[in-house]
Protein backbone atom coordinates (compact mmCIF):
# COMPACT_ATOMS: atom_id res chain seq x y z
CA UNK A 1 37.52 -1.44 -9.59
CA UNK A 2 34.47 -0.29 -11.22
CA UNK A 3 33.25 3.33 -10.47
CA UNK A 4 29.44 4.41 -10.87
CA UNK A 5 27.88 7.92 -10.47
CA UNK A 6 25.19 6.40 -8.67
CA UNK A 7 24.77 3.17 -7.11
CA UNK A 8 21.43 2.17 -5.91
CA UNK A 9 20.72 -0.99 -3.22
CA UNK A 10 17.30 -1.99 -4.14
CA UNK A 11 15.36 -2.73 -7.23
CA UNK A 12 12.05 -2.13 -5.95
CA UNK A 13 9.86 1.00 -7.08
CA UNK A 14 11.79 3.59 -5.27
CA UNK A 15 15.34 2.05 -6.38
CA UNK A 16 14.05 1.48 -10.35
CA UNK A 17 13.13 5.07 -10.50
CA UNK A 18 16.28 6.59 -8.82
CA UNK A 19 18.52 4.53 -11.08
CA UNK A 20 16.53 5.32 -14.31
CA UNK A 21 16.14 8.94 -13.60
CA UNK A 22 20.01 9.13 -13.25
CA UNK A 23 20.43 7.49 -16.40
CA UNK A 24 18.27 9.85 -18.26
CA UNK A 25 20.32 12.64 -16.79
CA UNK A 26 23.18 11.07 -18.76
CA UNK A 27 24.85 9.53 -15.47
CA UNK A 28 26.54 5.99 -15.07
CA UNK A 29 24.00 3.85 -12.69
CA UNK A 30 24.06 0.78 -11.30
CA UNK A 31 21.28 -1.52 -9.18
CA UNK A 32 22.25 -3.90 -6.75
CA UNK A 33 19.63 -6.74 -5.79
CA UNK A 34 19.06 -10.71 -5.33
CA UNK A 35 18.81 -12.50 -8.53
CA UNK A 36 15.41 -13.84 -7.14
CA UNK A 37 14.47 -10.53 -5.85
CA UNK A 38 14.54 -8.17 -9.26
CA UNK A 39 11.59 -5.53 -8.93
CA UNK A 40 12.09 -5.52 -4.66
CA UNK A 41 8.88 -6.74 -2.54
CA UNK A 42 6.53 -5.09 -4.40
CA UNK A 43 6.86 -7.24 -7.50
CA UNK A 44 7.62 -10.68 -5.89
CA UNK A 45 6.08 -11.03 -2.28
CA UNK A 46 3.98 -7.46 -1.65
CA UNK A 47 1.73 -5.02 -3.99
CA UNK A 48 1.78 -7.27 -7.33
CA UNK A 49 1.13 -10.65 -5.75
CA UNK A 50 -1.46 -9.58 -3.28
CA UNK A 51 -3.45 -7.38 -5.66
CA UNK A 52 -3.34 -10.32 -8.45
CA UNK A 53 -4.68 -12.44 -6.09
CA UNK A 54 -7.17 -9.91 -4.99
CA UNK A 55 -8.41 -9.59 -8.87
CA UNK A 56 -8.53 -13.53 -8.69
CA UNK A 57 -10.69 -13.88 -5.63
CA UNK A 58 -12.97 -11.38 -6.75
CA UNK A 59 -13.44 -12.88 -10.38
CA UNK A 60 -13.57 -16.64 -8.85
CA UNK A 61 -15.82 -16.02 -5.94
CA UNK A 62 -18.06 -14.15 -8.17
CA UNK A 63 -18.78 -11.66 -5.35
CA UNK A 64 -19.16 -8.60 -6.91
CA UNK A 65 -21.84 -10.06 -9.21
CA UNK A 66 -23.89 -11.49 -6.24
CA UNK A 67 -26.22 -8.47 -5.87
CA UNK A 68 -27.38 -9.32 -9.54
CA UNK A 69 -27.37 -12.78 -9.60
CA UNK A 70 -28.09 -13.79 -5.67
CA UNK A 71 -25.97 -14.44 -2.83
CA UNK A 72 -25.32 -18.13 -4.13
CA UNK A 73 -24.00 -16.82 -7.07
CA UNK A 74 -20.38 -18.26 -7.48
CA UNK A 75 -17.88 -18.75 -10.60
CA UNK A 76 -16.00 -21.79 -9.04
CA UNK A 77 -17.54 -23.96 -6.49
CA UNK A 78 -13.99 -25.37 -5.22
CA UNK A 79 -11.41 -22.66 -5.42
CA UNK A 80 -7.67 -24.08 -4.75
CA UNK A 81 -4.61 -21.89 -4.09
CA UNK A 82 -3.47 -23.19 -7.58
CA UNK A 83 -6.11 -21.41 -9.16
CA UNK A 84 -5.04 -18.19 -7.27
CA UNK A 85 -1.02 -18.65 -7.53
CA UNK A 86 -0.76 -19.61 -11.58
CA UNK A 87 -2.10 -16.34 -12.14
CA UNK A 88 -0.11 -14.58 -9.61
CA UNK A 89 2.94 -16.03 -10.78
CA UNK A 90 2.45 -14.91 -14.78
CA UNK A 91 2.01 -11.36 -13.55
CA UNK A 92 4.91 -11.50 -11.29
CA UNK A 93 7.32 -13.04 -14.55
CA UNK A 94 6.10 -10.17 -16.73
CA UNK A 95 6.54 -7.47 -14.38
CA UNK A 96 10.16 -8.85 -14.04
CA UNK A 97 10.67 -8.76 -17.73
CA UNK A 98 9.44 -4.97 -17.92
CA UNK A 99 12.11 -4.18 -15.44
CA UNK A 100 14.91 -6.04 -16.69
CA UNK A 101 13.81 -4.41 -19.96
CA UNK A 102 13.53 -1.16 -18.45
CA UNK A 103 17.17 -1.23 -16.88
CA UNK A 104 18.73 -2.71 -20.23
CA UNK A 105 16.99 0.38 -22.05
CA UNK A 106 18.48 2.88 -19.87
CA UNK A 107 21.97 0.92 -19.71
CA UNK A 108 21.70 0.75 -16.04
CA UNK A 109 23.95 -2.12 -14.72
CA UNK A 110 21.55 -4.72 -12.67
CA UNK A 111 24.13 -6.27 -10.38
CA UNK A 112 22.88 -9.64 -8.43
CA UNK A 113 23.70 -9.89 -4.88
CA UNK A 114 23.75 -8.22 -1.78
CA UNK A 115 25.31 -4.87 -0.78
CA UNK A 116 27.08 -3.82 2.33
CA UNK A 117 29.39 -0.33 3.18
CA UNK A 118 33.01 -0.74 3.45
CA UNK A 119 33.27 3.11 3.51
CA UNK A 120 30.65 5.73 2.33
CA UNK A 121 32.15 5.49 -1.28
CA UNK A 122 32.93 1.74 -1.30
CA UNK A 123 30.51 -0.82 -1.48
CA UNK A 124 31.14 -4.50 -1.79
CA UNK A 125 28.71 -7.02 -3.27
CA UNK A 126 28.33 -10.82 -2.53
CA UNK A 127 26.60 -12.70 -4.77
CA UNK A 128 24.63 -15.93 -4.41
CA UNK A 129 28.15 -17.94 -4.73
CA UNK A 130 29.61 -16.05 -2.12
CA UNK A 131 32.00 -14.31 -4.46
CA UNK A 132 32.51 -10.75 -3.48
CA UNK A 133 33.18 -7.75 -5.85
CA UNK A 134 34.21 -4.03 -4.71
CA UNK A 135 33.03 -0.98 -6.23
CA UNK A 136 32.85 2.79 -5.64
CA UNK A 137 30.15 5.60 -6.27
CA UNK A 138 29.71 9.05 -6.07
CA UNK A 139 26.03 9.43 -4.93
CA UNK A 140 24.30 6.14 -3.08
CA UNK A 141 20.70 5.66 -2.92
CA UNK A 142 19.40 3.15 -0.11
CA UNK A 143 16.05 1.40 -1.48
CA UNK A 144 16.50 -1.83 0.43
CA UNK A 145 12.59 -1.65 1.22
CA UNK A 146 11.12 -4.11 4.35
CA UNK A 147 10.44 -7.49 5.35
CA UNK A 148 7.50 -8.69 7.91
CA UNK A 149 8.32 -7.58 11.55
CA UNK A 150 8.54 -11.26 13.35
CA UNK A 151 7.80 -11.72 16.93
CA UNK A 152 10.66 -13.98 18.30
CA UNK A 153 7.85 -15.47 20.68
CA UNK A 154 6.00 -16.59 17.54
CA UNK A 155 6.64 -19.88 15.91
CA UNK A 156 6.70 -19.22 11.97
CA UNK A 157 6.08 -22.42 9.78
CA UNK A 158 5.42 -21.00 6.86
CA UNK A 159 2.06 -23.18 6.88
CA UNK A 160 -0.26 -22.78 9.93
CA UNK A 161 1.71 -19.70 11.42
CA UNK A 162 2.65 -17.52 8.49
CA UNK A 163 3.80 -13.49 7.88
CA UNK A 164 2.44 -11.61 4.68
CA UNK A 165 5.73 -13.01 2.52
CA UNK A 166 4.56 -16.89 3.52
CA UNK A 167 0.82 -16.25 2.74
CA UNK A 168 1.35 -16.58 -0.86
CA UNK A 169 2.34 -20.08 -0.61
CA UNK A 170 -0.14 -21.78 1.37
CA UNK A 171 -0.91 -25.14 -0.07
CA UNK A 172 -4.79 -24.74 0.83
CA UNK A 173 -7.24 -22.38 1.47
CA UNK A 174 -7.97 -22.60 5.21
CA UNK A 175 -11.57 -22.78 6.57
CA UNK A 176 -10.67 -20.66 9.24
CA UNK A 177 -8.18 -18.11 10.18
CA UNK A 178 -6.92 -15.45 12.96
CA UNK A 179 -5.36 -12.34 11.39
CA UNK A 180 -3.40 -10.69 14.27
CA UNK A 181 -2.92 -6.88 13.07
CA UNK A 182 -5.31 -4.71 11.52
CA UNK A 183 -2.99 -2.27 9.34
CA UNK A 184 -3.49 -2.04 5.77
CA UNK A 185 -1.79 -5.49 5.03
CA UNK A 186 -3.64 -7.60 7.61
CA UNK A 187 -6.77 -6.17 6.52
CA UNK A 188 -6.27 -6.52 2.59
CA UNK A 189 -5.79 -10.31 3.08
CA UNK A 190 -8.68 -10.62 5.95
CA UNK A 191 -10.98 -9.32 3.48
CA UNK A 192 -9.64 -11.37 0.38
CA UNK A 193 -9.98 -14.69 2.56
CA UNK A 194 -13.29 -13.81 3.76
CA UNK A 195 -14.35 -13.19 0.43
CA UNK A 196 -13.17 -16.68 -0.23
CA UNK A 197 -15.28 -18.50 2.25
CA UNK A 198 -12.56 -18.56 5.11
CA UNK A 199 -14.39 -17.41 8.75
CA UNK A 200 -11.85 -14.72 9.81
CA UNK A 201 -11.14 -13.20 12.99
CA UNK A 202 -9.07 -9.75 13.22
CA UNK A 203 -7.23 -9.59 16.40
CA UNK A 204 -5.85 -5.49 16.56
CA UNK A 205 -4.68 -3.88 20.35
CA UNK A 206 -5.56 -0.37 18.80
CA UNK A 207 -9.18 0.63 19.78
CA UNK A 208 -9.83 1.19 15.68
CA UNK A 209 -8.41 0.18 12.65
CA UNK A 210 -6.57 2.01 10.03
CA UNK A 211 -6.99 5.21 11.82
CA UNK A 212 -5.11 7.24 9.44
CA UNK A 213 -8.42 7.02 7.27
CA UNK A 214 -11.73 8.80 7.33
CA UNK A 215 -13.78 6.79 10.44
CA UNK A 216 -17.19 6.75 8.32
CA UNK A 217 -15.19 5.04 5.61
CA UNK A 218 -13.79 2.77 7.65
CA UNK A 219 -16.90 1.68 9.29
CA UNK A 220 -18.36 1.31 6.08
CA UNK A 221 -15.62 -0.96 5.27
CA UNK A 222 -16.18 -2.96 8.81
CA UNK A 223 -19.84 -3.29 8.14
CA UNK A 224 -19.33 -4.99 4.80
CA UNK A 225 -16.37 -7.35 6.39
CA UNK A 226 -18.81 -8.57 9.37
CA UNK A 227 -21.36 -9.19 6.13
CA UNK A 228 -18.48 -11.28 4.88
CA UNK A 229 -18.43 -13.35 8.58
CA UNK A 230 -15.36 -11.51 10.02
CA UNK A 231 -15.32 -10.74 13.73
CA UNK A 232 -13.24 -8.25 15.04
CA UNK A 233 -11.50 -8.17 18.87
CA UNK A 234 -10.37 -4.55 18.88
CA UNK A 235 -8.38 -3.28 21.73
CA UNK A 236 -7.02 -7.00 22.49
CA UNK A 237 -3.45 -8.40 22.18
CA UNK A 238 -2.04 -11.69 21.56
CA UNK A 239 -0.43 -13.63 24.48
CA UNK A 240 0.66 -16.84 22.73
CA UNK A 241 -0.02 -18.90 19.84
CA UNK A 242 -0.35 -22.44 20.10
CA UNK A 243 0.58 -25.32 17.51
CA UNK A 244 -1.26 -28.17 17.77
CA UNK A 245 -1.99 -31.64 15.37
CA UNK A 246 -5.65 -30.47 14.26
CA UNK A 247 -4.68 -26.71 13.98
CA UNK A 248 -3.60 -23.58 15.87
CA UNK A 249 -5.20 -21.75 19.21
CA UNK A 250 -4.50 -18.11 20.02
CA UNK A 251 -4.78 -16.84 23.26
CA UNK A 252 -5.50 -13.51 24.01
CA UNK A 253 -4.08 -11.22 26.91
CA UNK A 254 -7.85 -11.10 28.25
CA UNK A 255 -8.02 -14.60 28.32
CA UNK A 256 -10.25 -15.72 24.98
CA UNK A 257 -8.84 -18.36 22.95
CA UNK A 258 -9.86 -18.27 19.23
CA UNK A 259 -9.06 -22.25 17.30
CA UNK A 260 -8.24 -21.94 13.49
CA UNK A 261 -6.22 -23.54 10.75
CA UNK A 262 -4.16 -20.53 10.24
CA UNK A 263 -2.68 -17.51 11.98
CA UNK A 264 -1.50 -14.63 9.92
CA UNK A 265 0.87 -12.49 11.70
CA UNK A 266 1.17 -8.71 10.62
CA UNK A 267 2.35 -6.56 12.69
CA UNK A 268 4.24 -4.43 10.96
CA UNK A 269 7.33 -4.29 8.94
CA UNK A 270 10.95 -3.99 9.29
CA UNK A 271 13.62 -2.26 7.54
CA UNK A 272 15.90 -4.44 5.85
CA UNK A 273 18.98 -2.68 6.57
CA UNK A 274 20.95 -5.37 8.69
CA UNK A 275 23.18 -6.46 6.50
CA UNK A 276 24.35 -3.08 5.10
CA UNK A 277 26.76 -2.15 7.70
CA UNK A 278 25.38 1.20 7.98
CA UNK A 279 28.33 2.41 10.46
CA UNK A 280 30.90 1.96 7.97
CA UNK A 281 29.19 4.92 6.20
CA UNK A 282 28.41 6.85 9.24
CA UNK A 283 24.78 5.90 9.18
CA UNK A 284 22.46 4.30 11.39
CA UNK A 285 19.17 3.01 11.65
CA UNK A 286 16.10 3.12 14.41
CA UNK A 287 15.13 0.03 16.10
CA UNK A 288 12.79 -0.89 13.47
CA UNK A 289 15.40 -0.63 10.82
CA UNK A 290 14.37 2.42 9.38
CA UNK A 291 16.92 5.30 8.21
CA UNK A 292 16.16 9.05 8.74
CA UNK A 293 16.34 11.66 5.91
CA UNK A 294 15.49 15.21 5.05
CA UNK A 295 12.81 16.83 2.50
CA UNK A 296 15.33 16.05 -0.40
CA UNK A 297 15.81 12.11 1.19
CA UNK A 298 19.21 12.95 2.33
CA UNK A 299 20.44 10.95 5.17
CA UNK A 300 23.02 12.23 7.67
CA UNK A 301 25.41 11.76 4.80
CA UNK A 302 25.00 14.30 1.87
CA UNK A 303 25.47 12.09 -1.13
CA UNK A 304 23.89 9.11 0.74
CA UNK A 305 19.85 8.99 -0.09
CA UNK A 306 17.29 6.85 1.08
CA UNK A 307 13.82 6.27 -0.34
CA UNK A 308 10.88 3.91 -0.19
CA UNK A 309 9.67 1.83 2.51
CA UNK A 310 13.00 1.88 4.37
CA UNK A 311 12.63 5.15 5.62
CA UNK A 312 9.00 4.77 6.88
CA UNK A 313 5.20 6.13 6.09
CA UNK A 314 3.68 6.31 3.93
CA UNK A 315 5.30 3.19 2.62
CA UNK A 316 3.69 2.91 -0.76
CA UNK A 317 4.89 1.91 -4.11
CA UNK A 318 3.51 5.09 -5.95
CA UNK A 319 5.19 7.24 -3.31
CA UNK A 320 8.41 5.33 -3.18
CA UNK A 321 8.82 5.67 -7.05
CA UNK A 322 8.43 9.69 -6.78
CA UNK A 323 10.68 9.61 -3.82
CA UNK A 324 13.48 7.81 -6.02
CA UNK A 325 13.20 10.05 -8.66
CA UNK A 326 13.25 13.51 -6.48
CA UNK A 327 16.38 11.71 -4.76
CA UNK A 328 18.49 11.29 -8.17
CA UNK A 329 17.34 14.86 -9.24
CA UNK A 330 18.59 16.51 -6.13
CA UNK A 331 21.88 14.35 -6.05
CA UNK A 332 22.87 15.57 -9.44
CA UNK A 333 21.39 19.25 -9.42
CA UNK A 334 18.33 18.79 -11.30
CA UNK A 335 15.53 21.10 -10.18
CA UNK A 336 12.44 19.31 -9.68
CA UNK A 337 8.93 20.92 -8.67
CA UNK A 338 7.87 21.66 -4.92
CA UNK A 339 7.90 19.37 -1.93
CA UNK A 340 6.62 15.96 -2.07
CA UNK A 341 3.30 17.41 -0.32
CA UNK A 342 -0.01 16.77 0.84
CA UNK A 343 -1.67 15.33 -2.26
CA UNK A 344 -0.34 11.75 -2.48
CA UNK A 345 -3.21 9.41 -2.66
CA UNK A 346 -3.51 6.46 -0.34
CA UNK A 347 -5.13 3.29 -1.84
CA UNK A 348 -6.25 0.24 0.01
CA UNK A 349 -7.12 -2.69 -1.66
CA UNK A 350 -9.42 -4.51 0.63
CA UNK A 351 -12.79 -5.87 -0.63
CA UNK A 352 -14.25 -3.30 -0.87
CA UNK A 353 -11.38 -0.97 -1.64
CA UNK A 354 -10.61 2.40 0.01
CA UNK A 355 -8.90 5.63 -1.42
CA UNK A 356 -8.18 8.97 -0.12
CA UNK A 357 -6.12 12.36 -0.85
CA UNK A 358 -6.20 15.37 1.73
CA UNK A 359 -7.07 15.61 4.96
CA UNK A 360 -9.98 13.81 6.87
CA UNK A 361 -12.89 15.10 8.91
CA UNK A 362 -10.95 14.74 12.10
CA UNK A 363 -8.15 16.67 11.28
CA UNK A 364 -10.15 19.51 9.96
CA UNK A 365 -11.96 19.41 12.97
CA UNK A 366 -9.19 19.31 15.10
CA UNK A 367 -7.34 22.63 13.21
CA UNK A 368 -10.53 24.73 13.38
CA UNK A 369 -11.01 24.65 9.64
CA UNK A 370 -14.71 25.36 8.51
CA UNK A 371 -15.54 22.72 6.06
CA UNK A 372 -18.69 21.17 4.39
CA UNK A 373 -19.11 17.78 3.42
CA UNK A 374 -20.80 16.47 0.50
CA UNK A 375 -21.66 12.67 -0.09
CA UNK A 376 -22.39 10.52 -2.80
CA UNK A 377 -23.71 7.03 -2.54
CA UNK A 378 -23.24 4.46 -5.53
CA UNK A 379 -26.79 3.02 -5.13
CA UNK A 380 -27.89 6.88 -6.32
CA UNK A 381 -25.72 6.31 -9.59
CA UNK A 382 -26.98 4.36 -12.64
CA UNK A 383 -23.57 2.71 -12.98
CA UNK A 384 -23.74 1.79 -9.27
CA UNK A 385 -27.00 -0.22 -9.97
CA UNK A 386 -25.47 -1.83 -13.41
CA UNK A 387 -22.29 -2.84 -11.26
CA UNK A 388 -24.58 -4.25 -8.63
CA UNK A 389 -22.59 -2.01 -6.08
CA UNK A 390 -24.93 -0.30 -3.38
CA UNK A 391 -22.69 0.15 -0.55
CA UNK A 392 -19.61 2.44 -2.63
CA UNK A 393 -20.04 5.85 -1.56
CA UNK A 394 -17.69 9.37 -2.41
CA UNK A 395 -16.88 11.80 0.14
CA UNK A 396 -16.15 15.20 -0.70
CA UNK A 397 -14.52 17.82 2.20
CA UNK A 398 -15.07 21.37 0.96
CA UNK A 399 -13.89 24.58 2.95
CA UNK A 400 -16.66 26.55 3.96
CA UNK A 401 -15.64 29.64 3.23
CA UNK A 402 -13.11 29.54 0.06
CA UNK A 403 -14.92 26.75 -1.75
CA UNK A 404 -11.67 24.76 -2.07
CA UNK A 405 -11.47 21.19 -1.97
CA UNK A 406 -9.66 19.34 1.50
CA UNK A 407 -10.11 15.95 1.06
CA UNK A 408 -11.96 13.32 -1.24
CA UNK A 409 -12.60 9.96 0.17
CA UNK A 410 -14.03 6.82 -1.64
CA UNK A 411 -15.11 3.55 -0.58
CA UNK A 412 -16.29 0.95 -3.20
CA UNK A 413 -15.65 -0.09 -6.54
CA UNK A 414 -12.82 1.68 -8.59
CA UNK A 415 -12.07 3.71 -5.50
CA UNK A 416 -8.49 3.84 -6.24
CA UNK A 417 -9.13 4.97 -9.67
CA UNK A 418 -11.72 7.41 -9.09
CA UNK A 419 -9.59 9.39 -6.10
CA UNK A 420 -7.36 10.87 -8.99
CA UNK A 421 -10.05 13.10 -10.23
CA UNK A 422 -10.47 14.80 -6.95
CA UNK A 423 -6.40 14.74 -7.05
CA UNK A 424 -6.18 16.65 -9.84
CA UNK A 425 -8.94 19.54 -8.93
CA UNK A 426 -6.96 19.70 -5.55
CA UNK A 427 -3.42 20.07 -7.16
CA UNK A 428 -4.93 22.44 -9.99
CA UNK A 429 -6.25 24.41 -7.40
CA UNK A 430 -10.12 23.71 -8.39
CA UNK A 431 -12.92 24.75 -6.05
CA UNK A 432 -16.34 22.37 -5.60
CA UNK A 433 -17.81 24.77 -8.49
CA UNK A 434 -15.66 23.31 -10.91
CA UNK A 435 -17.17 19.62 -10.13
CA UNK A 436 -20.68 21.33 -9.99
CA UNK A 437 -19.97 23.23 -13.33
CA UNK A 438 -18.58 20.03 -15.18
CA UNK A 439 -20.07 17.45 -17.21
CA UNK A 440 -19.35 13.63 -16.81
CA UNK A 441 -20.26 10.66 -18.61
CA UNK A 442 -23.45 8.92 -17.83
CA UNK A 443 -23.50 6.35 -16.61
CA UNK A 444 -20.14 6.32 -14.80
CA UNK A 445 -19.18 6.55 -11.03
CA UNK A 446 -16.84 9.58 -11.91
CA UNK A 447 -20.44 11.12 -12.21
CA UNK A 448 -20.39 10.69 -8.22
CA UNK A 449 -18.17 13.79 -8.02
CA UNK A 450 -21.01 15.99 -9.90
CA UNK A 451 -23.74 14.42 -7.05
CA UNK A 452 -21.30 15.04 -4.10
CA UNK A 453 -20.18 18.61 -4.82
CA UNK A 454 -23.96 19.46 -5.70
CA UNK A 455 -24.61 18.11 -1.84
CA UNK A 456 -22.13 20.21 -0.72
CA UNK A 457 -22.93 23.61 -2.41
CA UNK A 458 -26.53 22.98 -1.42
CA UNK A 459 -25.72 22.42 2.34
CA UNK A 460 -23.50 25.99 1.99
CA UNK A 461 -26.66 27.44 0.41
CA UNK A 462 -28.88 26.54 3.02
CA UNK A 463 -26.33 27.68 5.62
CA UNK A 464 -26.09 30.99 3.80
CA UNK A 465 -30.10 31.41 3.61
CA UNK A 466 -30.48 31.14 7.42
CA UNK A 467 -27.75 33.74 8.00
CA UNK A 468 -28.98 36.28 5.49
C-alpha cells in the first residue's frame, strides 16, 4: 500500500498549489482527480472556458470598437457556437498540459479516479474502470470544488434548460434567454450573450445584484447591460419552467410569463463532497456540501485540511491558490505571512468588467469611518478615448484623517488588471499622497489613479479650508 506525506483530493487551483507547495518542501505528494477533470472545474467548465469565451465574444462582435467605428460595427456577422468553442478548447488543452507538466516536474503523482475516506488516514481511489486502490497519507487536503446547484423541480436537458457547466456545449447562439440568478456566474453569462445579440432577461429574487460590490459600480454595470437590451426582473422568483416544442416558458411567482429559446439556471454552487464519505474521517458538510475550516484551513480533524470553493466565499481561483499553499505550509510547520486578509481582490468578468479590493462605501458608512471619495472617469483620459471606453471609472475611498486607501473600485476596460496598483499601495501601507505625487505613463488607464487621488485630496482640502 502506497503512503504519501500529503494526499490532495482535487486538481483545481487550490489542489495544485497545495500539492506543489508540499513537493517544494521535499514531501511526497499526490493528487487524485478524474481523468477528464485535470485542472478541476476552473480549467474544464468554469473560469478558463468562460473567460476565453468572453474574449472571443468581445473580438467577434467588435463591441469594444463601436464607439470609434459606429454601433453597426461587427467583425463577424453570423457568430456560431463553434466560433466560440474552438478557441475555448484550445486554451483548455493548453492549460491541462501546463498543469500535468508542473506535477511531473515537481514529482507530484497524479492519480486518476475518485477518492473516498475509509478512515481519517486511509483513502480509497476508484478509477474509471471501477478498479479500487487504497493508500494512506499523513496529511490530507480536500479541494474537490463545487458543481452547479440544481433545483429538483427543474428539468435540465443540456440544450434548452441548462446550468453553467452545460452552457459551454450549446448547439447554437439563442435569440432569447432567461438567466435565473444574478450572481457572478449568471451576470457574466448574461452580459456575454447580450453582447452576442441575444435578448436576455435576468430574474433575481434579491432586490439588487452583486450586493457585495459597490452600489455605484453595480448601477453603472446595470446601465451598460440595459443598453445591450438586458431586462432585469429583481425581487422576483421562478415558480416553474415549462419546456415546449418552440422553446421555454418561465413562469414567475408573480404570474409573469417569459418566453425564451433557452433558460440558464445559475442558482448557486454545491460542494462536491457527496462521494467522499466524510463521516468515515470524522467530518461533515453543510446542506450546500461545504466544509468548515479554521484560519489555517484545518477541518475538525487536525491533519485534514479543506481549501478552495468547497469552503465557501469568496470561491475564486486566485484566493483558492493561496489557500492551498497556506494549508500545505501549515501542515508541515512552514511559516507563512499574516492571515489571508482583507486585501484579496475580487474580479468579475462581466462586459464591462468589475474589480475591487478593500471596503465599500456602504461598509465604511456602516462602521462610521470618516472617508472621502476620489473618482476618475475613463472619458477624461486620453487612453479611454483611444480605446473607445467612455463609461469606465475608478473610485478611491480614502480615510479622511489618516489619508490611507480603504478601498479601490474599478469598472470598465482592464478593471481586473488595474485594481492591483491600488492593492499594492494598500498592502504597503501607502496613502493617497503617494498616488498624487507619483508619475504614471501617458496615455494609460493607470493614470486614473492620479486623477482620482487628486479629486479626493482636493475635496479634503476644500473641507479643511471651510473649517480653518
